[in-house]
């Protein structure tokens, strides 16, 4: 099953040309999760925030931290509230809301009273269900011989890997091409998720981690989404671009190269590594 795949010691399928702050379950050590809250100014100073913005691509852990901060709750409150939130998740999720905490702006008050973590998380999941179970997404998933949960999982990879919105449909095609050929996805984003970190550099040791999210060693899709994708990534997941690409690398910002030729990909990766070294020297 691996015969069509070059040795893992020489291939890095994906490298994004920009860093993204991501965390799962907890904040990555040494970093602070920025919570973008919309503030209202009455002219006498800022009032308490009234809405919470969840950006595309945040992981569940980041969302929990943001909810706790926005509602003034102790750290861990939102995650603990899952047990009583009764989230309407698909059976495949097995109670894990990753992928279904839909990125949008949410009110922090209901009927003049501050909302609760469980109510806010339920609102996010209900929003995701409305978006994902509608005709365009559901029909698109069926057209590609997958269920909605699988489409959300692919969209989460696309969200994490694509350097730009314009690249999303091409990244989705790489995922489909690899699945159809029986090749491991070899996505650095899934390894980062397993290791609870974000980095542009994935080492050989990283790819040996024993995790169902290690797409270098495990075939097929990861067991759950790896972040909460937005609508652009969802559209890419159900309508991938036409192409034979199997590899891609963001050599530098604005220059992502897709190819079906491994040797060409190796040259692109070498150029990426050279650019990274030069950037490190300048820093």
C-alpha atoms as a PDB file:
ATOM      1  CA  UNK A   1       0.000   0.000   0.000  1.00  0.00           C
ATOM      2  CA  UNK A   2       2.994   2.271   0.536  1.00  0.00           C
ATOM      3  CA  UNK A   3       4.816   1.327  -2.671  1.00  0.00           C
ATOM      4  CA  UNK A   4       3.681   4.482  -4.506  1.00  0.00           C
ATOM      5  CA  UNK A   5       4.926   6.692  -1.696  1.00  0.00           C
ATOM      6  CA  UNK A   6       8.561   7.870  -1.539  1.00  0.00           C
ATOM      7  CA  UNK A   7      10.448   7.105   1.690  1.00  0.00           C
ATOM      8  CA  UNK A   8       9.209   9.147   4.638  1.00  0.00           C
ATOM      9  CA  UNK A   9      12.781  10.158   5.421  1.00  0.00           C
ATOM     10  CA  UNK A  10      12.931  12.179   2.198  1.00  0.00           C
ATOM     11  CA  UNK A  11       9.428  13.562   1.795  1.00  0.00           C
ATOM     12  CA  UNK A  12       7.524  16.346   3.457  1.00  0.00           C
ATOM     13  CA  UNK A  13       4.227  16.652   1.636  1.00  0.00           C
ATOM     14  CA  UNK A  14       3.142  19.912   3.187  1.00  0.00           C
ATOM     15  CA  UNK A  15       4.794  22.985   4.619  1.00  0.00           C
ATOM     16  CA  UNK A  16       2.880  26.208   5.030  1.00  0.00           C
ATOM     17  CA  UNK A  17       4.575  29.517   4.342  1.00  0.00           C
ATOM     18  CA  UNK A  18       3.263  31.143   7.499  1.00  0.00           C
ATOM     19  CA  UNK A  19       2.909  30.338  11.162  1.00  0.00           C
ATOM     20  CA  UNK A  20      -0.518  29.932  12.721  1.00  0.00           C
ATOM     21  CA  UNK A  21      -1.076  29.987  16.472  1.00  0.00           C
ATOM     22  CA  UNK A  22      -2.942  26.785  17.269  1.00  0.00           C
ATOM     23  CA  UNK A  23      -3.529  24.773  20.395  1.00  0.00           C
ATOM     24  CA  UNK A  24      -5.638  21.793  21.257  1.00  0.00           C
ATOM     25  CA  UNK A  25      -7.047  21.149  24.695  1.00  0.00           C
ATOM     26  CA  UNK A  26      -4.679  23.654  26.270  1.00  0.00           C
ATOM     27  CA  UNK A  27      -2.632  26.650  25.281  1.00  0.00           C
ATOM     28  CA  UNK A  28       0.779  25.804  23.877  1.00  0.00           C
ATOM     29  CA  UNK A  29       3.413  26.533  26.469  1.00  0.00           C
ATOM     30  CA  UNK A  30       4.899  29.974  26.175  1.00  0.00           C
ATOM     31  CA  UNK A  31       2.126  31.357  23.972  1.00  0.00           C
ATOM     32  CA  UNK A  32      -1.060  33.212  24.718  1.00  0.00           C
ATOM     33  CA  UNK A  33      -4.262  32.635  22.816  1.00  0.00           C
ATOM     34  CA  UNK A  34      -5.558  35.954  21.552  1.00  0.00           C
ATOM     35  CA  UNK A  35      -9.276  36.309  22.166  1.00  0.00           C
ATOM     36  CA  UNK A  36     -10.746  38.745  19.653  1.00  0.00           C
ATOM     37  CA  UNK A  37     -13.741  40.314  21.396  1.00  0.00           C
ATOM     38  CA  UNK A  38     -15.835  43.049  19.883  1.00  0.00           C
ATOM     39  CA  UNK A  39     -16.100  45.924  22.331  1.00  0.00           C
ATOM     40  CA  UNK A  40     -18.776  48.580  22.602  1.00  0.00           C
ATOM     41  CA  UNK A  41     -17.804  52.113  23.594  1.00  0.00           C
ATOM     42  CA  UNK A  42     -20.462  54.168  25.340  1.00  0.00           C
ATOM     43  CA  UNK A  43     -18.296  57.265  25.358  1.00  0.00           C
ATOM     44  CA  UNK A  44     -17.513  56.678  29.031  1.00  0.00           C
ATOM     45  CA  UNK A  45     -15.040  53.900  28.460  1.00  0.00           C
ATOM     46  CA  UNK A  46     -15.358  50.387  27.067  1.00  0.00           C
ATOM     47  CA  UNK A  47     -18.115  48.184  28.363  1.00  0.00           C
ATOM     48  CA  UNK A  48     -17.804  44.447  28.840  1.00  0.00           C
ATOM     49  CA  UNK A  49     -17.568  42.558  25.537  1.00  0.00           C
ATOM     50  CA  UNK A  50     -20.936  41.601  24.064  1.00  0.00           C
ATOM     51  CA  UNK A  51     -19.772  39.235  21.335  1.00  0.00           C
ATOM     52  CA  UNK A  52     -17.084  36.635  20.812  1.00  0.00           C
ATOM     53  CA  UNK A  53     -15.430  36.072  17.439  1.00  0.00           C
ATOM     54  CA  UNK A  54     -14.218  32.532  16.696  1.00  0.00           C
ATOM     55  CA  UNK A  55     -11.765  32.641  13.755  1.00  0.00           C
ATOM     56  CA  UNK A  56     -11.589  29.987  11.053  1.00  0.00           C
ATOM     57  CA  UNK A  57      -9.164  27.200  11.854  1.00  0.00           C
ATOM     58  CA  UNK A  58      -9.138  27.473  15.637  1.00  0.00           C
ATOM     59  CA  UNK A  59      -8.969  24.180  17.467  1.00  0.00           C
ATOM     60  CA  UNK A  60     -11.460  23.208  20.132  1.00  0.00           C
ATOM     61  CA  UNK A  61      -8.928  23.957  22.865  1.00  0.00           C
ATOM     62  CA  UNK A  62      -8.575  27.529  21.680  1.00  0.00           C
ATOM     63  CA  UNK A  63     -12.339  27.937  21.553  1.00  0.00           C
ATOM     64  CA  UNK A  64     -12.695  26.668  25.142  1.00  0.00           C
ATOM     65  CA  UNK A  65     -10.042  29.106  26.342  1.00  0.00           C
ATOM     66  CA  UNK A  66     -11.710  31.989  24.504  1.00  0.00           C
ATOM     67  CA  UNK A  67     -15.140  31.148  25.938  1.00  0.00           C
ATOM     68  CA  UNK A  68     -13.749  31.005  29.478  1.00  0.00           C
ATOM     69  CA  UNK A  69     -12.049  34.358  29.078  1.00  0.00           C
ATOM     70  CA  UNK A  70     -15.035  36.024  27.400  1.00  0.00           C
ATOM     71  CA  UNK A  71     -17.462  34.845  30.094  1.00  0.00           C
ATOM     72  CA  UNK A  72     -15.080  35.470  32.973  1.00  0.00           C
ATOM     73  CA  UNK A  73     -15.020  31.807  33.955  1.00  0.00           C
ATOM     74  CA  UNK A  74     -12.095  29.887  35.493  1.00  0.00           C
ATOM     75  CA  UNK A  75      -9.859  28.124  32.968  1.00  0.00           C
ATOM     76  CA  UNK A  76     -11.272  24.732  32.012  1.00  0.00           C
ATOM     77  CA  UNK A  77     -14.902  25.703  32.604  1.00  0.00           C
ATOM     78  CA  UNK A  78     -15.985  25.462  28.974  1.00  0.00           C
ATOM     79  CA  UNK A  79     -14.352  22.091  28.456  1.00  0.00           C
ATOM     80  CA  UNK A  80     -15.926  20.728  31.628  1.00  0.00           C
ATOM     81  CA  UNK A  81     -19.325  21.999  30.482  1.00  0.00           C
ATOM     82  CA  UNK A  82     -19.345  19.551  27.565  1.00  0.00           C
ATOM     83  CA  UNK A  83     -20.800  16.857  29.808  1.00  0.00           C
ATOM     84  CA  UNK A  84     -23.980  18.865  30.354  1.00  0.00           C
ATOM     85  CA  UNK A  85     -24.110  20.761  27.063  1.00  0.00           C
ATOM     86  CA  UNK A  86     -25.903  17.930  25.194  1.00  0.00           C
ATOM     87  CA  UNK A  87     -24.323  18.986  21.922  1.00  0.00           C
ATOM     88  CA  UNK A  88     -26.075  17.749  18.786  1.00  0.00           C
ATOM     89  CA  UNK A  89     -23.065  16.110  17.188  1.00  0.00           C
ATOM     90  CA  UNK A  90     -22.982  13.376  14.535  1.00  0.00           C
ATOM     91  CA  UNK A  91     -22.542   9.840  15.837  1.00  0.00           C
ATOM     92  CA  UNK A  92     -19.081   9.638  14.281  1.00  0.00           C
ATOM     93  CA  UNK A  93     -17.875  12.439  16.555  1.00  0.00           C
ATOM     94  CA  UNK A  94     -18.404  10.344  19.687  1.00  0.00           C
ATOM     95  CA  UNK A  95     -19.010  13.492  21.714  1.00  0.00           C
ATOM     96  CA  UNK A  96     -15.940  15.373  20.449  1.00  0.00           C
ATOM     97  CA  UNK A  97     -17.039  18.772  19.044  1.00  0.00           C
ATOM     98  CA  UNK A  98     -13.822  19.358  17.098  1.00  0.00           C
ATOM     99  CA  UNK A  99     -14.836  20.595  13.667  1.00  0.00           C
ATOM    100  CA  UNK A 100     -18.313  21.652  14.804  1.00  0.00           C
ATOM    101  CA  UNK A 101     -17.503  24.786  16.810  1.00  0.00           C
ATOM    102  CA  UNK A 102     -18.325  26.881  13.802  1.00  0.00           C
ATOM    103  CA  UNK A 103     -16.227  30.031  13.259  1.00  0.00           C
ATOM    104  CA  UNK A 104     -18.488  33.079  13.546  1.00  0.00           C
ATOM    105  CA  UNK A 105     -19.356  35.940  15.879  1.00  0.00           C
ATOM    106  CA  UNK A 106     -21.523  34.891  18.832  1.00  0.00           C
ATOM    107  CA  UNK A 107     -23.488  36.965  21.370  1.00  0.00           C
ATOM    108  CA  UNK A 108     -22.390  36.700  24.985  1.00  0.00           C
ATOM    109  CA  UNK A 109     -25.791  37.714  26.313  1.00  0.00           C
ATOM    110  CA  UNK A 110     -29.259  36.243  25.945  1.00  0.00           C
ATOM    111  CA  UNK A 111     -32.351  38.134  27.107  1.00  0.00           C
ATOM    112  CA  UNK A 112     -30.173  40.620  28.961  1.00  0.00           C
ATOM    113  CA  UNK A 113     -28.254  37.933  30.862  1.00  0.00           C
ATOM    114  CA  UNK A 114     -24.759  36.630  30.227  1.00  0.00           C
ATOM    115  CA  UNK A 115     -24.874  33.264  28.523  1.00  0.00           C
ATOM    116  CA  UNK A 116     -23.280  30.058  29.867  1.00  0.00           C
ATOM    117  CA  UNK A 117     -20.390  28.080  28.375  1.00  0.00           C
ATOM    118  CA  UNK A 118     -22.678  25.173  27.504  1.00  0.00           C
ATOM    119  CA  UNK A 119     -25.213  27.467  25.804  1.00  0.00           C
ATOM    120  CA  UNK A 120     -22.461  29.190  23.811  1.00  0.00           C
ATOM    121  CA  UNK A 121     -20.932  25.894  22.684  1.00  0.00           C
ATOM    122  CA  UNK A 122     -24.381  24.581  21.754  1.00  0.00           C
ATOM    123  CA  UNK A 123     -24.960  27.696  19.672  1.00  0.00           C
ATOM    124  CA  UNK A 124     -21.710  27.014  17.791  1.00  0.00           C
ATOM    125  CA  UNK A 125     -22.607  23.381  17.120  1.00  0.00           C
ATOM    126  CA  UNK A 126     -26.145  24.265  16.047  1.00  0.00           C
ATOM    127  CA  UNK A 127     -24.674  26.815  13.634  1.00  0.00           C
ATOM    128  CA  UNK A 128     -22.333  24.177  12.219  1.00  0.00           C
ATOM    129  CA  UNK A 129     -25.195  21.729  11.740  1.00  0.00           C
ATOM    130  CA  UNK A 130     -27.201  24.328   9.827  1.00  0.00           C
ATOM    131  CA  UNK A 131     -24.217  25.061   7.610  1.00  0.00           C
ATOM    132  CA  UNK A 132     -23.064  21.480   7.084  1.00  0.00           C
ATOM    133  CA  UNK A 133     -26.376  19.624   6.799  1.00  0.00           C
ATOM    134  CA  UNK A 134     -27.866  21.971   4.211  1.00  0.00           C
ATOM    135  CA  UNK A 135     -28.290  20.858   0.629  1.00  0.00           C
ATOM    136  CA  UNK A 136     -25.030  22.237  -0.849  1.00  0.00           C
ATOM    137  CA  UNK A 137     -22.675  20.598   1.649  1.00  0.00           C
ATOM    138  CA  UNK A 138     -24.619  17.369   2.183  1.00  0.00           C
ATOM    139  CA  UNK A 139     -25.155  16.880  -1.546  1.00  0.00           C
ATOM    140  CA  UNK A 140     -21.530  17.741  -2.272  1.00  0.00           C
ATOM    141  CA  UNK A 141     -20.329  15.187   0.244  1.00  0.00           C
ATOM    142  CA  UNK A 142     -22.568  12.516  -1.242  1.00  0.00           C
ATOM    143  CA  UNK A 143     -21.385  13.408  -4.735  1.00  0.00           C
ATOM    144  CA  UNK A 144     -17.830  12.675  -3.585  1.00  0.00           C
ATOM    145  CA  UNK A 145     -18.820   9.361  -1.959  1.00  0.00           C
ATOM    146  CA  UNK A 146     -18.366  10.508   1.627  1.00  0.00           C
ATOM    147  CA  UNK A 147     -20.522  11.549   4.551  1.00  0.00           C
ATOM    148  CA  UNK A 148     -20.710  15.040   5.999  1.00  0.00           C
ATOM    149  CA  UNK A 149     -18.388  14.234   8.910  1.00  0.00           C
ATOM    150  CA  UNK A 150     -15.691  13.068   6.491  1.00  0.00           C
ATOM    151  CA  UNK A 151     -16.175  16.270   4.487  1.00  0.00           C
ATOM    152  CA  UNK A 152     -15.702  18.330   7.658  1.00  0.00           C
ATOM    153  CA  UNK A 153     -12.539  16.349   8.439  1.00  0.00           C
ATOM    154  CA  UNK A 154     -11.111  17.029   4.980  1.00  0.00           C
ATOM    155  CA  UNK A 155     -12.109  20.692   5.277  1.00  0.00           C
ATOM    156  CA  UNK A 156     -10.246  20.943   8.589  1.00  0.00           C
ATOM    157  CA  UNK A 157      -7.075  19.674   6.906  1.00  0.00           C
ATOM    158  CA  UNK A 158      -7.576  22.098   4.034  1.00  0.00           C
ATOM    159  CA  UNK A 159      -8.071  24.938   6.528  1.00  0.00           C
ATOM    160  CA  UNK A 160      -4.832  24.057   8.302  1.00  0.00           C
ATOM    161  CA  UNK A 161      -2.725  23.423   5.204  1.00  0.00           C
ATOM    162  CA  UNK A 162      -3.777  25.987   2.593  1.00  0.00           C
ATOM    163  CA  UNK A 163      -1.656  29.123   2.652  1.00  0.00           C
ATOM    164  CA  UNK A 164      -4.381  31.128   0.916  1.00  0.00           C
ATOM    165  CA  UNK A 165      -8.059  30.848   0.064  1.00  0.00           C
ATOM    166  CA  UNK A 166      -7.054  30.385  -3.578  1.00  0.00           C
ATOM    167  CA  UNK A 167      -5.049  27.255  -2.648  1.00  0.00           C
ATOM    168  CA  UNK A 168      -7.867  25.507  -0.774  1.00  0.00           C
ATOM    169  CA  UNK A 169      -9.444  23.643  -3.683  1.00  0.00           C
ATOM    170  CA  UNK A 170      -6.008  22.424  -4.828  1.00  0.00           C
ATOM    171  CA  UNK A 171      -5.103  21.199  -1.337  1.00  0.00           C
ATOM    172  CA  UNK A 172      -8.432  19.354  -1.219  1.00  0.00           C
ATOM    173  CA  UNK A 173      -7.577  17.694  -4.531  1.00  0.00           C
ATOM    174  CA  UNK A 174      -4.240  16.500  -3.133  1.00  0.00           C
ATOM    175  CA  UNK A 175      -6.124  14.895  -0.228  1.00  0.00           C
ATOM    176  CA  UNK A 176      -8.544  13.151  -2.598  1.00  0.00           C
ATOM    177  CA  UNK A 177      -5.799  12.022  -4.963  1.00  0.00           C
ATOM    178  CA  UNK A 178      -3.821  10.476  -2.141  1.00  0.00           C
ATOM    179  CA  UNK A 179      -6.847   8.735  -0.673  1.00  0.00           C
ATOM    180  CA  UNK A 180      -7.838   7.367  -4.069  1.00  0.00           C
ATOM    181  CA  UNK A 181      -4.320   6.022  -4.687  1.00  0.00           C
ATOM    182  CA  UNK A 182      -4.095   4.347  -1.300  1.00  0.00           C
ATOM    183  CA  UNK A 183      -1.282   6.652  -0.215  1.00  0.00           C
ATOM    184  CA  UNK A 184      -0.894   8.007   3.313  1.00  0.00           C
ATOM    185  CA  UNK A 185      -1.876  11.668   3.523  1.00  0.00           C
ATOM    186  CA  UNK A 186       1.440  12.649   5.158  1.00  0.00           C
ATOM    187  CA  UNK A 187       0.075  15.981   6.328  1.00  0.00           C
ATOM    188  CA  UNK A 188       2.199  17.889   8.835  1.00  0.00           C
ATOM    189  CA  UNK A 189      -0.950  19.523  10.209  1.00  0.00           C
ATOM    190  CA  UNK A 190      -2.242  16.199  11.540  1.00  0.00           C
ATOM    191  CA  UNK A 191       1.089  15.493  13.237  1.00  0.00           C
ATOM    192  CA  UNK A 192       1.020  18.969  14.771  1.00  0.00           C
ATOM    193  CA  UNK A 193      -2.450  18.190  16.097  1.00  0.00           C
ATOM    194  CA  UNK A 194      -1.200  14.946  17.631  1.00  0.00           C
ATOM    195  CA  UNK A 195       1.709  16.812  19.256  1.00  0.00           C
ATOM    196  CA  UNK A 196      -0.442  19.764  20.392  1.00  0.00           C
ATOM    197  CA  UNK A 197       1.735  22.315  18.662  1.00  0.00           C
ATOM    198  CA  UNK A 198       2.281  24.280  15.462  1.00  0.00           C
ATOM    199  CA  UNK A 199       5.483  24.351  13.476  1.00  0.00           C
ATOM    200  CA  UNK A 200       6.684  24.534   9.905  1.00  0.00           C
ATOM    201  CA  UNK A 201       9.270  21.851  10.565  1.00  0.00           C
ATOM    202  CA  UNK A 202       8.258  18.233  11.026  1.00  0.00           C
ATOM    203  CA  UNK A 203      11.127  15.893  11.856  1.00  0.00           C
ATOM    204  CA  UNK A 204      11.442  12.191  11.148  1.00  0.00           C
ATOM    205  CA  UNK A 205      11.001  11.601  14.887  1.00  0.00           C
ATOM    206  CA  UNK A 206       7.731  13.541  14.784  1.00  0.00           C
ATOM    207  CA  UNK A 207       6.384  11.265  12.055  1.00  0.00           C
ATOM    208  CA  UNK A 208       6.936   8.213  14.258  1.00  0.00           C
ATOM    209  CA  UNK A 209       4.591   9.360  17.014  1.00  0.00           C
ATOM    210  CA  UNK A 210       2.066   6.685  17.949  1.00  0.00           C
ATOM    211  CA  UNK A 211      -1.191   8.501  17.307  1.00  0.00           C
ATOM    212  CA  UNK A 212      -4.289   7.938  15.172  1.00  0.00           C
ATOM    213  CA  UNK A 213      -3.639  11.479  13.903  1.00  0.00           C
ATOM    214  CA  UNK A 214      -0.231  10.529  12.516  1.00  0.00           C
ATOM    215  CA  UNK A 215      -1.063  10.562   8.812  1.00  0.00           C
ATOM    216  CA  UNK A 216       2.508   9.542   7.978  1.00  0.00           C
ATOM    217  CA  UNK A 217       1.925   6.108   9.508  1.00  0.00           C
ATOM    218  CA  UNK A 218      -1.865   5.738   9.435  1.00  0.00           C
ATOM    219  CA  UNK A 219      -3.847   5.364   6.244  1.00  0.00           C
ATOM    220  CA  UNK A 220      -6.970   7.342   5.467  1.00  0.00           C
ATOM    221  CA  UNK A 221      -8.398  10.339   7.256  1.00  0.00           C
ATOM    222  CA  UNK A 222      -7.698  11.133  10.921  1.00  0.00           C
ATOM    223  CA  UNK A 223     -10.463   9.991  13.298  1.00  0.00           C
ATOM    224  CA  UNK A 224     -11.810  13.530  13.806  1.00  0.00           C
ATOM    225  CA  UNK A 225     -11.376  16.968  12.280  1.00  0.00           C
ATOM    226  CA  UNK A 226      -8.199  18.733  13.415  1.00  0.00           C
ATOM    227  CA  UNK A 227      -9.705  22.222  13.718  1.00  0.00           C
ATOM    228  CA  UNK A 228     -12.925  24.094  13.055  1.00  0.00           C
ATOM    229  CA  UNK A 229     -13.066  24.935   9.342  1.00  0.00           C
ATOM    230  CA  UNK A 230     -14.870  27.840   7.740  1.00  0.00           C
ATOM    231  CA  UNK A 231     -17.159  27.928   4.742  1.00  0.00           C
ATOM    232  CA  UNK A 232     -14.380  28.406   2.171  1.00  0.00           C
ATOM    233  CA  UNK A 233     -12.611  25.248   3.346  1.00  0.00           C
ATOM    234  CA  UNK A 234     -15.920  23.357   3.365  1.00  0.00           C
ATOM    235  CA  UNK A 235     -16.624  24.391  -0.215  1.00  0.00           C
ATOM    236  CA  UNK A 236     -13.149  23.228  -1.238  1.00  0.00           C
ATOM    237  CA  UNK A 237     -13.695  19.872   0.477  1.00  0.00           C
ATOM    238  CA  UNK A 238     -16.825  19.108  -1.546  1.00  0.00           C
ATOM    239  CA  UNK A 239     -15.633  20.700  -4.793  1.00  0.00           C
ATOM    240  CA  UNK A 240     -11.878  20.110  -5.118  1.00  0.00           C
ATOM    241  CA  UNK A 241     -10.047  21.537  -8.102  1.00  0.00           C
ATOM    242  CA  UNK A 242      -9.274  19.322 -11.080  1.00  0.00           C
ATOM    243  CA  UNK A 243      -5.671  18.143 -11.122  1.00  0.00           C
ATOM    244  CA  UNK A 244      -3.279  15.223 -10.636  1.00  0.00           C
ATOM    245  CA  UNK A 245      -1.277  16.827  -7.824  1.00  0.00           C
ATOM    246  CA  UNK A 246       0.126  14.645  -5.055  1.00  0.00           C
ATOM    247  CA  UNK A 247       2.494  17.119  -3.389  1.00  0.00           C
ATOM    248  CA  UNK A 248       2.608  20.770  -2.489  1.00  0.00           C
ATOM    249  CA  UNK A 249       4.854  23.135  -0.622  1.00  0.00           C
ATOM    250  CA  UNK A 250       4.659  26.849   0.140  1.00  0.00           C
ATOM    251  CA  UNK A 251       8.174  27.817  -0.915  1.00  0.00           C
ATOM    252  CA  UNK A 252       7.627  31.373   0.289  1.00  0.00           C
ATOM    253  CA  UNK A 253       4.588  33.501   1.087  1.00  0.00           C
ATOM    254  CA  UNK A 254       2.440  33.743  -2.032  1.00  0.00           C
ATOM    255  CA  UNK A 255       4.311  30.922  -3.810  1.00  0.00           C
ATOM    256  CA  UNK A 256       2.703  27.522  -3.205  1.00  0.00           C
ATOM    257  CA  UNK A 257       3.704  24.889  -5.754  1.00  0.00           C
ATOM    258  CA  UNK A 258       1.627  21.824  -6.573  1.00  0.00           C
ATOM    259  CA  UNK A 259       2.975  18.877  -8.537  1.00  0.00           C
ATOM    260  CA  UNK A 260       2.476  15.175  -9.220  1.00  0.00           C
ATOM    261  CA  UNK A 261       6.220  14.661  -9.688  1.00  0.00           C
ATOM    262  CA  UNK A 262       8.165  13.687  -6.602  1.00  0.00           C
ATOM    263  CA  UNK A 263      11.538  14.859  -7.905  1.00  0.00           C
ATOM    264  CA  UNK A 264      10.089  18.269  -8.713  1.00  0.00           C
ATOM    265  CA  UNK A 265       8.595  18.361  -5.247  1.00  0.00           C
ATOM    266  CA  UNK A 266      11.986  17.566  -3.715  1.00  0.00           C
ATOM    267  CA  UNK A 267      13.498  20.531  -5.539  1.00  0.00           C
ATOM    268  CA  UNK A 268      10.678  22.745  -4.275  1.00  0.00           C
ATOM    269  CA  UNK A 269      11.219  21.533  -0.717  1.00  0.00           C
ATOM    270  CA  UNK A 270      14.957  22.205  -1.041  1.00  0.00           C
ATOM    271  CA  UNK A 271      14.127  25.765  -2.074  1.00  0.00           C
ATOM    272  CA  UNK A 272      11.775  26.074   0.892  1.00  0.00           C
ATOM    273  CA  UNK A 273      14.510  24.870   3.263  1.00  0.00           C
ATOM    274  CA  UNK A 274      16.982  27.327   1.747  1.00  0.00           C
ATOM    275  CA  UNK A 275      14.534  30.186   2.249  1.00  0.00           C
ATOM    276  CA  UNK A 276      13.964  29.124   5.850  1.00  0.00           C
ATOM    277  CA  UNK A 277      17.705  29.101   6.568  1.00  0.00           C
ATOM    278  CA  UNK A 278      18.139  32.521   5.017  1.00  0.00           C
ATOM    279  CA  UNK A 279      15.258  33.880   7.098  1.00  0.00           C
ATOM    280  CA  UNK A 280      16.795  32.406  10.250  1.00  0.00           C
ATOM    281  CA  UNK A 281      20.117  34.101   9.503  1.00  0.00           C
ATOM    282  CA  UNK A 282      18.392  37.452   8.995  1.00  0.00           C
ATOM    283  CA  UNK A 283      16.556  37.088  12.302  1.00  0.00           C
END
